Amino acid sequence: MDSSLAVWLVVAMSIAAANLPFLTERVFGLVSLKARPAGDGSPRTKPLALRLLELIVLYFVVGFLARALESRIGGVFAQNWEFYAITGCLFLVLAFPGFVLRYLRKQRR
């Protein structure tokens, strides 16, 4: 695989994974939450804490996939804490459009 293609693949995976917790009510896009105990049948909404936990897990999943792609291209570079701090902040910035759509956009009813 070409290194340029691998970089764009990691960027696309990061954008998709960063916005996934805010665009769907399913956990990791797969598991739906149980209905409310009131019995009205309306679906539950994910709390913000669960969305943030999901965001952290997806950060590490994308990081693992990026490291696997890097190892297929050539040698894997050792990273210090600065790398993880910067990529974590970048992942949060990439999640901002999903956060805006979920929490800041005015809902029509």
PDB file of N, CA and C in Angstrom:
ATOM      1  N   MET A   1       0.852  -1.169   0.000  1.00  0.00           N
ATOM      2  CA  MET A   1       0.000   0.000   0.000  1.00  0.00           C
ATOM      3  C   MET A   1       0.899   1.233   0.000  1.00  0.00           C
ATOM      4  N   ASP A   2       0.523   2.197  -0.777  1.00  0.00           N
ATOM      5  CA  ASP A   2       1.256   3.445  -0.854  1.00  0.00           C
ATOM      6  C   ASP A   2       1.103   4.221   0.460  1.00  0.00           C
ATOM      7  N   SER A   3       2.157   4.903   0.896  1.00  0.00           N
ATOM      8  CA  SER A   3       2.096   5.625   2.171  1.00  0.00           C
ATOM      9  C   SER A   3       1.107   6.784   2.121  1.00  0.00           C
ATOM     10  N   SER A   4       0.964   7.426   0.962  1.00  0.00           N
ATOM     11  CA  SER A   4       0.006   8.519   0.832  1.00  0.00           C
ATOM     12  C   SER A   4      -1.421   8.009   0.994  1.00  0.00           C
ATOM     13  N   LEU A   5      -1.711   6.864   0.415  1.00  0.00           N
ATOM     14  CA  LEU A   5      -3.039   6.265   0.548  1.00  0.00           C
ATOM     15  C   LEU A   5      -3.304   5.877   2.003  1.00  0.00           C
ATOM     16  N   ALA A   6      -2.294   5.360   2.684  1.00  0.00           N
ATOM     17  CA  ALA A   6      -2.449   4.973   4.086  1.00  0.00           C
ATOM     18  C   ALA A   6      -2.749   6.187   4.961  1.00  0.00           C
ATOM     19  N   VAL A   7      -2.094   7.301   4.676  1.00  0.00           N
ATOM     20  CA  VAL A   7      -2.341   8.517   5.458  1.00  0.00           C
ATOM     21  C   VAL A   7      -3.774   8.980   5.271  1.00  0.00           C
ATOM     22  N   TRP A   8      -4.245   9.016   4.041  1.00  0.00           N
ATOM     23  CA  TRP A   8      -5.625   9.463   3.797  1.00  0.00           C
ATOM     24  C   TRP A   8      -6.641   8.482   4.361  1.00  0.00           C
ATOM     25  N   LEU A   9      -6.298   7.205   4.378  1.00  0.00           N
ATOM     26  CA  LEU A   9      -7.187   6.214   4.983  1.00  0.00           C
ATOM     27  C   LEU A   9      -7.307   6.438   6.483  1.00  0.00           C
ATOM     28  N   VAL A  10      -6.192   6.736   7.135  1.00  0.00           N
ATOM     29  CA  VAL A  10      -6.214   7.017   8.576  1.00  0.00           C
ATOM     30  C   VAL A  10      -7.007   8.292   8.861  1.00  0.00           C
ATOM     31  N   VAL A  11      -6.846   9.307   8.040  1.00  0.00           N
ATOM     32  CA  VAL A  11      -7.603  10.554   8.230  1.00  0.00           C
ATOM     33  C   VAL A  11      -9.108  10.293   8.066  1.00  0.00           C
ATOM     34  N   ALA A  12      -9.482   9.536   7.051  1.00  0.00           N
ATOM     35  CA  ALA A  12     -10.904   9.232   6.836  1.00  0.00           C
ATOM     36  C   ALA A  12     -11.467   8.400   7.982  1.00  0.00           C
ATOM     37  N   MET A  13     -10.697   7.416   8.454  1.00  0.00           N
ATOM     38  CA  MET A  13     -11.147   6.604   9.597  1.00  0.00           C
ATOM     39  C   MET A  13     -11.292   7.471  10.843  1.00  0.00           C
ATOM     40  N   SER A  14     -10.388   8.413  11.027  1.00  0.00           N
ATOM     41  CA  SER A  14     -10.447   9.285  12.203  1.00  0.00           C
ATOM     42  C   SER A  14     -11.682  10.172  12.183  1.00  0.00           C
ATOM     43  N   ILE A  15     -11.986  10.742  11.033  1.00  0.00           N
ATOM     44  CA  ILE A  15     -13.170  11.596  10.924  1.00  0.00           C
ATOM     45  C   ILE A  15     -14.440  10.793  11.186  1.00  0.00           C
ATOM     46  N   ALA A  16     -14.532   9.615  10.587  1.00  0.00           N
ATOM     47  CA  ALA A  16     -15.721   8.777  10.777  1.00  0.00           C
ATOM     48  C   ALA A  16     -15.851   8.320  12.228  1.00  0.00           C
ATOM     49  N   ALA A  17     -14.751   7.867  12.819  1.00  0.00           N
ATOM     50  CA  ALA A  17     -14.803   7.356  14.189  1.00  0.00           C
ATOM     51  C   ALA A  17     -15.048   8.466  15.197  1.00  0.00           C
ATOM     52  N   ALA A  18     -14.529   9.651  14.959  1.00  0.00           N
ATOM     53  CA  ALA A  18     -14.718  10.753  15.902  1.00  0.00           C
ATOM     54  C   ALA A  18     -16.159  11.229  15.925  1.00  0.00           C
ATOM     55  N   ASN A  19     -16.854  11.138  14.812  1.00  0.00           N
ATOM     56  CA  ASN A  19     -18.234  11.622  14.752  1.00  0.00           C
ATOM     57  C   ASN A  19     -19.268  10.532  15.026  1.00  0.00           C
ATOM     58  N   LEU A  20     -18.871   9.278  14.986  1.00  0.00           N
ATOM     59  CA  LEU A  20     -19.811   8.175  15.184  1.00  0.00           C
ATOM     60  C   LEU A  20     -20.574   8.245  16.506  1.00  0.00           C
ATOM     61  N   PRO A  21     -19.937   8.525  17.643  1.00  0.00           N
ATOM     62  CA  PRO A  21     -20.705   8.544  18.894  1.00  0.00           C
ATOM     63  C   PRO A  21     -21.814   9.597  18.924  1.00  0.00           C
ATOM     64  N   PHE A  22     -21.663  10.666  18.161  1.00  0.00           N
ATOM     65  CA  PHE A  22     -22.642  11.745  18.197  1.00  0.00           C
ATOM     66  C   PHE A  22     -23.718  11.611  17.125  1.00  0.00           C
ATOM     67  N   LEU A  23     -23.506  10.782  16.131  1.00  0.00           N
ATOM     68  CA  LEU A  23     -24.451  10.681  15.029  1.00  0.00           C
ATOM     69  C   LEU A  23     -25.438   9.534  15.178  1.00  0.00           C
ATOM     70  N   THR A  24     -25.204   8.643  16.114  1.00  0.00           N
ATOM     71  CA  THR A  24     -26.104   7.506  16.282  1.00  0.00           C
ATOM     72  C   THR A  24     -26.386   7.274  17.761  1.00  0.00           C
ATOM     73  N   GLU A  25     -27.518   6.698  18.052  1.00  0.00           N
ATOM     74  CA  GLU A  25     -27.884   6.364  19.432  1.00  0.00           C
ATOM     75  C   GLU A  25     -27.434   4.965  19.808  1.00  0.00           C
ATOM     76  N   ARG A  26     -26.846   4.250  18.871  1.00  0.00           N
ATOM     77  CA  ARG A  26     -26.338   2.910  19.159  1.00  0.00           C
ATOM     78  C   ARG A  26     -24.908   3.016  19.669  1.00  0.00           C
ATOM     79  N   VAL A  27     -24.533   2.133  20.572  1.00  0.00           N
ATOM     80  CA  VAL A  27     -23.179   2.117  21.112  1.00  0.00           C
ATOM     81  C   VAL A  27     -22.260   1.503  20.054  1.00  0.00           C
ATOM     82  N   PHE A  28     -21.231   2.242  19.666  1.00  0.00           N
ATOM     83  CA  PHE A  28     -20.296   1.868  18.608  1.00  0.00           C
ATOM     84  C   PHE A  28     -20.995   1.629  17.270  1.00  0.00           C
ATOM     85  N   GLY A  29     -22.172   2.169  17.113  1.00  0.00           N
ATOM     86  CA  GLY A  29     -22.916   2.022  15.879  1.00  0.00           C
ATOM     87  C   GLY A  29     -23.535   0.653  15.705  1.00  0.00           C
ATOM     88  N   LEU A  30     -23.425  -0.211  16.708  1.00  0.00           N
ATOM     89  CA  LEU A  30     -23.898  -1.591  16.572  1.00  0.00           C
ATOM     90  C   LEU A  30     -24.951  -1.978  17.595  1.00  0.00           C
ATOM     91  N   VAL A  31     -24.737  -1.663  18.854  1.00  0.00           N
ATOM     92  CA  VAL A  31     -25.580  -2.147  19.945  1.00  0.00           C
ATOM     93  C   VAL A  31     -26.564  -1.062  20.349  1.00  0.00           C
ATOM     94  N   SER A  32     -27.860  -1.390  20.285  1.00  0.00           N
ATOM     95  CA  SER A  32     -28.862  -0.405  20.693  1.00  0.00           C
ATOM     96  C   SER A  32     -29.126  -0.526  22.194  1.00  0.00           C
ATOM     97  N   LEU A  33     -29.459   0.599  22.802  1.00  0.00           N
ATOM     98  CA  LEU A  33     -29.781   0.612  24.218  1.00  0.00           C
ATOM     99  C   LEU A  33     -31.192   0.092  24.425  1.00  0.00           C
ATOM    100  N   LYS A  34     -31.448  -0.431  25.604  1.00  0.00           N
ATOM    101  CA  LYS A  34     -32.784  -0.946  25.901  1.00  0.00           C
ATOM    102  C   LYS A  34     -33.785   0.207  25.980  1.00  0.00           C
ATOM    103  N   ALA A  35     -35.058  -0.128  25.765  1.00  0.00           N
ATOM    104  CA  ALA A  35     -36.114   0.886  25.824  1.00  0.00           C
ATOM    105  C   ALA A  35     -36.261   1.396  27.257  1.00  0.00           C
ATOM    106  N   ARG A  36     -36.888   2.540  27.397  1.00  0.00           N
ATOM    107  CA  ARG A  36     -37.082   3.142  28.713  1.00  0.00           C
ATOM    108  C   ARG A  36     -37.994   2.263  29.568  1.00  0.00           C
ATOM    109  N   PRO A  37     -37.773   2.270  30.874  1.00  0.00           N
ATOM    110  CA  PRO A  37     -38.617   1.439  31.740  1.00  0.00           C
ATOM    111  C   PRO A  37     -40.053   1.916  31.834  1.00  0.00           C
ATOM    112  N   ALA A  38     -40.331   3.130  31.374  1.00  0.00           N
ATOM    113  CA  ALA A  38     -41.705   3.635  31.449  1.00  0.00           C
ATOM    114  C   ALA A  38     -42.645   2.845  30.551  1.00  0.00           C
ATOM    115  N   GLY A  39     -42.079   2.157  29.554  1.00  0.00           N
ATOM    116  CA  GLY A  39     -42.907   1.315  28.704  1.00  0.00           C
ATOM    117  C   GLY A  39     -43.527   2.038  27.537  1.00  0.00           C
ATOM    118  N   ASP A  40     -43.141   3.280  27.282  1.00  0.00           N
ATOM    119  CA  ASP A  40     -43.737   4.001  26.158  1.00  0.00           C
ATOM    120  C   ASP A  40     -43.107   3.594  24.828  1.00  0.00           C
ATOM    121  N   GLY A  41     -42.060   2.777  24.873  1.00  0.00           N
ATOM    122  CA  GLY A  41     -41.461   2.268  23.643  1.00  0.00           C
ATOM    123  C   GLY A  41     -40.502   3.222  22.956  1.00  0.00           C
ATOM    124  N   SER A  42     -40.327   4.421  23.513  1.00  0.00           N
ATOM    125  CA  SER A  42     -39.415   5.364  22.872  1.00  0.00           C
ATOM    126  C   SER A  42     -37.967   4.938  23.140  1.00  0.00           C
ATOM    127  N   PRO A  43     -37.109   5.117  22.153  1.00  0.00           N
ATOM    128  CA  PRO A  43     -35.720   4.691  22.349  1.00  0.00           C
ATOM    129  C   PRO A  43     -34.993   5.585  23.345  1.00  0.00           C
ATOM    130  N   ARG A  44     -34.041   5.000  24.036  1.00  0.00           N
ATOM    131  CA  ARG A  44     -33.234   5.774  24.988  1.00  0.00           C
ATOM    132  C   ARG A  44     -32.190   6.566  24.236  1.00  0.00           C
ATOM    133  N   THR A  45     -31.830   7.688  24.793  1.00  0.00           N
ATOM    134  CA  THR A  45     -30.731   8.458  24.230  1.00  0.00           C
ATOM    135  C   THR A  45     -29.484   8.158  25.047  1.00  0.00           C
ATOM    136  N   LYS A  46     -28.351   8.127  24.374  1.00  0.00           N
ATOM    137  CA  LYS A  46     -27.096   7.860  25.065  1.00  0.00           C
ATOM    138  C   LYS A  46     -26.717   9.074  25.897  1.00  0.00           C
ATOM    139  N   PRO A  47     -26.288   8.861  27.126  1.00  0.00           N
ATOM    140  CA  PRO A  47     -25.809   9.999  27.921  1.00  0.00           C
ATOM    141  C   PRO A  47     -24.445  10.477  27.400  1.00  0.00           C
ATOM    142  N   LEU A  48     -24.102  11.715  27.726  1.00  0.00           N
ATOM    143  CA  LEU A  48     -22.849  12.299  27.257  1.00  0.00           C
ATOM    144  C   LEU A  48     -21.640  11.505  27.747  1.00  0.00           C
ATOM    145  N   ALA A  49     -21.697  10.978  28.959  1.00  0.00           N
ATOM    146  CA  ALA A  49     -20.569  10.211  29.500  1.00  0.00           C
ATOM    147  C   ALA A  49     -20.307   8.966  28.654  1.00  0.00           C
ATOM    148  N   LEU A  50     -21.356   8.306  28.214  1.00  0.00           N
ATOM    149  CA  LEU A  50     -21.190   7.128  27.358  1.00  0.00           C
ATOM    150  C   LEU A  50     -20.630   7.523  25.996  1.00  0.00           C
ATOM    151  N   ARG A  51     -21.054   8.654  25.475  1.00  0.00           N
ATOM    152  CA  ARG A  51     -20.520   9.137  24.199  1.00  0.00           C
ATOM    153  C   ARG A  51     -19.025   9.449  24.318  1.00  0.00           C
ATOM    154  N   LEU A  52     -18.611  10.057  25.429  1.00  0.00           N
ATOM    155  CA  LEU A  52     -17.196  10.374  25.623  1.00  0.00           C
ATOM    156  C   LEU A  52     -16.366   9.113  25.827  1.00  0.00           C
ATOM    157  N   LEU A  53     -16.905   8.136  26.551  1.00  0.00           N
ATOM    158  CA  LEU A  53     -16.212   6.854  26.707  1.00  0.00           C
ATOM    159  C   LEU A  53     -16.054   6.159  25.357  1.00  0.00           C
ATOM    160  N   GLU A  54     -17.092   6.206  24.569  1.00  0.00           N
ATOM    161  CA  GLU A  54     -17.051   5.627  23.220  1.00  0.00           C
ATOM    162  C   GLU A  54     -16.015   6.348  22.352  1.00  0.00           C
ATOM    163  N   LEU A  55     -15.917   7.654  22.506  1.00  0.00           N
ATOM    164  CA  LEU A  55     -14.938   8.444  21.768  1.00  0.00           C
ATOM    165  C   LEU A  55     -13.511   8.041  22.141  1.00  0.00           C
ATOM    166  N   ILE A  56     -13.256   7.811  23.418  1.00  0.00           N
ATOM    167  CA  ILE A  56     -11.927   7.394  23.869  1.00  0.00           C
ATOM    168  C   ILE A  56     -11.576   6.014  23.317  1.00  0.00           C
ATOM    169  N   VAL A  57     -12.520   5.096  23.374  1.00  0.00           N
ATOM    170  CA  VAL A  57     -12.266   3.750  22.851  1.00  0.00           C
ATOM    171  C   VAL A  57     -12.006   3.802  21.348  1.00  0.00           C
ATOM    172  N   LEU A  58     -12.771   4.591  20.615  1.00  0.00           N
ATOM    173  CA  LEU A  58     -12.568   4.699  19.171  1.00  0.00           C
ATOM    174  C   LEU A  58     -11.240   5.367  18.832  1.00  0.00           C
ATOM    175  N   TYR A  59     -10.767   6.276  19.685  1.00  0.00           N
ATOM    176  CA  TYR A  59      -9.445   6.871  19.485  1.00  0.00           C
ATOM    177  C   TYR A  59      -8.370   5.786  19.503  1.00  0.00           C
ATOM    178  N   PHE A  60      -8.452   4.887  20.472  1.00  0.00           N
ATOM    179  CA  PHE A  60      -7.457   3.821  20.559  1.00  0.00           C
ATOM    180  C   PHE A  60      -7.612   2.805  19.434  1.00  0.00           C
ATOM    181  N   VAL A  61      -8.832   2.547  18.986  1.00  0.00           N
ATOM    182  CA  VAL A  61      -9.041   1.631  17.853  1.00  0.00           C
ATOM    183  C   VAL A  61      -8.420   2.202  16.582  1.00  0.00           C
ATOM    184  N   VAL A  62      -8.661   3.477  16.316  1.00  0.00           N
ATOM    185  CA  VAL A  62      -8.060   4.117  15.137  1.00  0.00           C
ATOM    186  C   VAL A  62      -6.545   4.162  15.270  1.00  0.00           C
ATOM    187  N   GLY A  63      -6.041   4.419  16.469  1.00  0.00           N
ATOM    188  CA  GLY A  63      -4.602   4.415  16.690  1.00  0.00           C
ATOM    189  C   GLY A  63      -3.981   3.056  16.435  1.00  0.00           C
ATOM    190  N   PHE A  64      -4.663   2.001  16.863  1.00  0.00           N
ATOM    191  CA  PHE A  64      -4.169   0.647  16.607  1.00  0.00           C
ATOM    192  C   PHE A  64      -4.152   0.341  15.107  1.00  0.00           C
ATOM    193  N   LEU A  65      -5.221   0.735  14.402  1.00  0.00           N
ATOM    194  CA  LEU A  65      -5.263   0.508  12.954  1.00  0.00           C
ATOM    195  C   LEU A  65      -4.197   1.328  12.227  1.00  0.00           C
ATOM    196  N   ALA A  66      -3.958   2.554  12.689  1.00  0.00           N
ATOM    197  CA  ALA A  66      -2.917   3.383  12.077  1.00  0.00           C
ATOM    198  C   ALA A  66      -1.539   2.781  12.312  1.00  0.00           C
ATOM    199  N   ARG A  67      -1.322   2.244  13.488  1.00  0.00           N
ATOM    200  CA  ARG A  67      -0.033   1.600  13.776  1.00  0.00           C
ATOM    201  C   ARG A  67       0.144   0.344  12.933  1.00  0.00           C
ATOM    202  N   ALA A  68      -0.932  -0.394  12.721  1.00  0.00           N
ATOM    203  CA  ALA A  68      -0.845  -1.584  11.868  1.00  0.00           C
ATOM    204  C   ALA A  68      -0.521  -1.194  10.426  1.00  0.00           C
ATOM    205  N   LEU A  69      -1.129  -0.127   9.935  1.00  0.00           N
ATOM    206  CA  LEU A  69      -0.812   0.345   8.591  1.00  0.00           C
ATOM    207  C   LEU A  69       0.632   0.824   8.501  1.00  0.00           C
ATOM    208  N   GLU A  70       1.099   1.491   9.542  1.00  0.00           N
ATOM    209  CA  GLU A  70       2.480   1.968   9.548  1.00  0.00           C
ATOM    210  C   GLU A  70       3.469   0.805   9.543  1.00  0.00           C
ATOM    211  N   SER A  71       3.132  -0.266  10.247  1.00  0.00           N
ATOM    212  CA  SER A  71       4.040  -1.411  10.275  1.00  0.00           C
ATOM    213  C   SER A  71       4.067  -2.140   8.936  1.00  0.00           C
ATOM    214  N   ARG A  72       2.981  -2.076   8.182  1.00  0.00           N
ATOM    215  CA  ARG A  72       2.974  -2.701   6.850  1.00  0.00           C
ATOM    216  C   ARG A  72       3.807  -1.911   5.851  1.00  0.00           C
ATOM    217  N   ILE A  73       3.887  -0.589   6.042  1.00  0.00           N
ATOM    218  CA  ILE A  73       4.648   0.259   5.127  1.00  0.00           C
ATOM    219  C   ILE A  73       6.141   0.142   5.405  1.00  0.00           C
ATOM    220  N   GLY A  74       6.503   0.134   6.662  1.00  0.00           N
ATOM    221  CA  GLY A  74       7.918   0.084   7.023  1.00  0.00           C
ATOM    222  C   GLY A  74       8.057  -0.013   8.520  1.00  0.00           C
ATOM    223  N   GLY A  75       9.107   0.557   9.056  1.00  0.00           N
ATOM    224  CA  GLY A  75       9.348   0.514  10.489  1.00  0.00           C
ATOM    225  C   GLY A  75       8.390   1.398  11.255  1.00  0.00           C
ATOM    226  N   VAL A  76       8.053   0.963  12.458  1.00  0.00           N
ATOM    227  CA  VAL A  76       7.161   1.721  13.321  1.00  0.00           C
ATOM    228  C   VAL A  76       8.011   2.638  14.192  1.00  0.00           C
ATOM    229  N   PHE A  77       7.679   3.910  14.194  1.00  0.00           N
ATOM    230  CA  PHE A  77       8.427   4.886  14.984  1.00  0.00           C
ATOM    231  C   PHE A  77       7.934   4.878  16.426  1.00  0.00           C
ATOM    232  N   ALA A  78       8.860   5.013  17.347  1.00  0.00           N
ATOM    233  CA  ALA A  78       8.504   5.119  18.761  1.00  0.00           C
ATOM    234  C   ALA A  78       7.906   6.496  19.016  1.00  0.00           C
ATOM    235  N   GLN A  79       6.858   6.542  19.843  1.00  0.00           N
ATOM    236  CA  GLN A  79       6.170   7.806  20.130  1.00  0.00           C
ATOM    237  C   GLN A  79       6.242   8.103  21.620  1.00  0.00           C
ATOM    238  N   ASN A  80       6.358   9.370  21.944  1.00  0.00           N
ATOM    239  CA  ASN A  80       6.341   9.816  23.333  1.00  0.00           C
ATOM    240  C   ASN A  80       4.963  10.356  23.674  1.00  0.00           C
ATOM    241  N   TRP A  81       4.816  10.855  24.903  1.00  0.00           N
ATOM    242  CA  TRP A  81       3.514  11.321  25.357  1.00  0.00           C
ATOM    243  C   TRP A  81       3.017  12.509  24.548  1.00  0.00           C
ATOM    244  N   GLU A  82       3.916  13.296  23.974  1.00  0.00           N
ATOM    245  CA  GLU A  82       3.506  14.469  23.198  1.00  0.00           C
ATOM    246  C   GLU A  82       2.683  14.070  21.978  1.00  0.00           C
ATOM    247  N   PHE A  83       3.078  12.988  21.343  1.00  0.00           N
ATOM    248  CA  PHE A  83       2.353  12.494  20.174  1.00  0.00           C
ATOM    249  C   PHE A  83       0.912  12.150  20.541  1.00  0.00           C
ATOM    250  N   TYR A  84       0.734  11.449  21.650  1.00  0.00           N
ATOM    251  CA  TYR A  84      -0.609  11.034  22.054  1.00  0.00           C
ATOM    252  C   TYR A  84      -1.449  12.225  22.519  1.00  0.00           C
ATOM    253  N   ALA A  85      -0.820  13.209  23.138  1.00  0.00           N
ATOM    254  CA  ALA A  85      -1.552  14.412  23.542  1.00  0.00           C
ATOM    255  C   ALA A  85      -2.043  15.175  22.313  1.00  0.00           C
ATOM    256  N   ILE A  86      -1.186  15.312  21.311  1.00  0.00           N
ATOM    257  CA  ILE A  86      -1.568  16.047  20.104  1.00  0.00           C
ATOM    258  C   ILE A  86      -2.628  15.292  19.312  1.00  0.00           C
ATOM    259  N   THR A  87      -2.454  13.981  19.138  1.00  0.00           N
ATOM    260  CA  THR A  87      -3.452  13.228  18.359  1.00  0.00           C
ATOM    261  C   THR A  87      -4.781  13.125  19.101  1.00  0.00           C
ATOM    262  N   GLY A  88      -4.742  13.094  20.438  1.00  0.00           N
ATOM    263  CA  GLY A  88      -5.993  13.103  21.203  1.00  0.00           C
ATOM    264  C   GLY A  88      -6.747  14.413  21.022  1.00  0.00           C
ATOM    265  N   CYS A  89      -6.017  15.517  21.053  1.00  0.00           N
ATOM    266  CA  CYS A  89      -6.657  16.820  20.817  1.00  0.00           C
ATOM    267  C   CYS A  89      -7.179  16.929  19.392  1.00  0.00           C
ATOM    268  N   LEU A  90      -6.423  16.415  18.444  1.00  0.00           N
ATOM    269  CA  LEU A  90      -6.873  16.428  17.055  1.00  0.00           C
ATOM    270  C   LEU A  90      -8.130  15.582  16.882  1.00  0.00           C
ATOM    271  N   PHE A  91      -8.202  14.453  17.575  1.00  0.00           N
ATOM    272  CA  PHE A  91      -9.396  13.598  17.509  1.00  0.00           C
ATOM    273  C   PHE A  91     -10.608  14.333  18.074  1.00  0.00           C
ATOM    274  N   LEU A  92     -10.404  15.103  19.143  1.00  0.00           N
ATOM    275  CA  LEU A  92     -11.505  15.903  19.700  1.00  0.00           C
ATOM    276  C   LEU A  92     -11.955  16.991  18.736  1.00  0.00           C
ATOM    277  N   VAL A  93     -11.005  17.602  18.037  1.00  0.00           N
ATOM    278  CA  VAL A  93     -11.358  18.625  17.044  1.00  0.00           C
ATOM    279  C   VAL A  93     -12.152  17.996  15.904  1.00  0.00           C
ATOM    280  N   LEU A  94     -11.757  16.796  15.485  1.00  0.00           N
ATOM    281  CA  LEU A  94     -12.493  16.118  14.419  1.00  0.00           C
ATOM    282  C   LEU A  94     -13.899  15.721  14.857  1.00  0.00           C
ATOM    283  N   ALA A  95     -14.120  15.558  16.165  1.00  0.00           N
ATOM    284  CA  ALA A  95     -15.440  15.196  16.680  1.00  0.00           C
ATOM    285  C   ALA A  95     -16.367  16.397  16.828  1.00  0.00           C
ATOM    286  N   PHE A  96     -15.862  17.603  16.638  1.00  0.00           N
ATOM    287  CA  PHE A  96     -16.666  18.802  16.865  1.00  0.00           C
ATOM    288  C   PHE A  96     -17.906  18.896  15.972  1.00  0.00           C
ATOM    289  N   PRO A  97     -17.844  18.564  14.666  1.00  0.00           N
ATOM    290  CA  PRO A  97     -19.081  18.646  13.868  1.00  0.00           C
ATOM    291  C   PRO A  97     -20.197  17.742  14.393  1.00  0.00           C
ATOM    292  N   GLY A  98     -19.870  16.550  14.815  1.00  0.00           N
ATOM    293  CA  GLY A  98     -20.887  15.662  15.379  1.00  0.00           C
ATOM    294  C   GLY A  98     -21.448  16.192  16.684  1.00  0.00           C
ATOM    295  N   PHE A  99     -20.581  16.779  17.521  1.00  0.00           N
ATOM    296  CA  PHE A  99     -21.029  17.375  18.780  1.00  0.00           C
ATOM    297  C   PHE A  99     -21.979  18.538  18.519  1.00  0.00           C
ATOM    298  N   VAL A 100     -21.656  19.356  17.524  1.00  0.00           N
ATOM    299  CA  VAL A 100     -22.517  20.496  17.185  1.00  0.00           C
ATOM    300  C   VAL A 100     -23.875  20.004  16.700  1.00  0.00           C
ATOM    301  N   LEU A 101     -23.884  18.998  15.852  1.00  0.00           N
ATOM    302  CA  LEU A 101     -25.158  18.471  15.354  1.00  0.00           C
ATOM    303  C   LEU A 101     -25.994  17.874  16.473  1.00  0.00           C
ATOM    304  N   ARG A 102     -25.358  17.246  17.441  1.00  0.00           N
ATOM    305  CA  ARG A 102     -26.103  16.582  18.516  1.00  0.00           C
ATOM    306  C   ARG A 102     -26.569  17.560  19.591  1.00  0.00           C
ATOM    307  N   TYR A 103     -25.708  18.476  20.028  1.00  0.00           N
ATOM    308  CA  TYR A 103     -26.016  19.262  21.214  1.00  0.00           C
ATOM    309  C   TYR A 103     -26.232  20.754  20.979  1.00  0.00           C
ATOM    310  N   LEU A 104     -25.646  21.337  19.970  1.00  0.00           N
ATOM    311  CA  LEU A 104     -25.720  22.783  19.818  1.00  0.00           C
ATOM    312  C   LEU A 104     -26.723  23.243  18.753  1.00  0.00           C
ATOM    313  N   ARG A 105     -27.081  22.382  17.839  1.00  0.00           N
ATOM    314  CA  ARG A 105     -28.030  22.757  16.791  1.00  0.00           C
ATOM    315  C   ARG A 105     -29.437  22.826  17.374  1.00  0.00           C
ATOM    316  N   LYS A 106     -30.173  23.836  16.950  1.00  0.00           N
ATOM    317  CA  LYS A 106     -31.535  23.993  17.442  1.00  0.00           C
ATOM    318  C   LYS A 106     -32.424  22.889  16.877  1.00  0.00           C
ATOM    319  N   GLN A 107     -33.113  22.195  17.748  1.00  0.00           N
ATOM    320  CA  GLN A 107     -33.976  21.095  17.356  1.00  0.00           C
ATOM    321  C   GLN A 107     -35.354  21.608  16.975  1.00  0.00           C
ATOM    322  N   ARG A 108     -35.851  21.171  15.846  1.00  0.00           N
ATOM    323  CA  ARG A 108     -37.222  21.530  15.428  1.00  0.00           C
ATOM    324  C   ARG A 108     -38.176  20.476  15.946  1.00  0.00           C
ATOM    325  N   ARG A 109     -39.306  20.934  16.475  1.00  0.00           N
ATOM    326  CA  ARG A 109     -40.286  19.973  17.012  1.00  0.00           C
ATOM    327  C   ARG A 109     -41.633  20.228  16.468  1.00  0.00           C
TER     328      ARG A 109
END
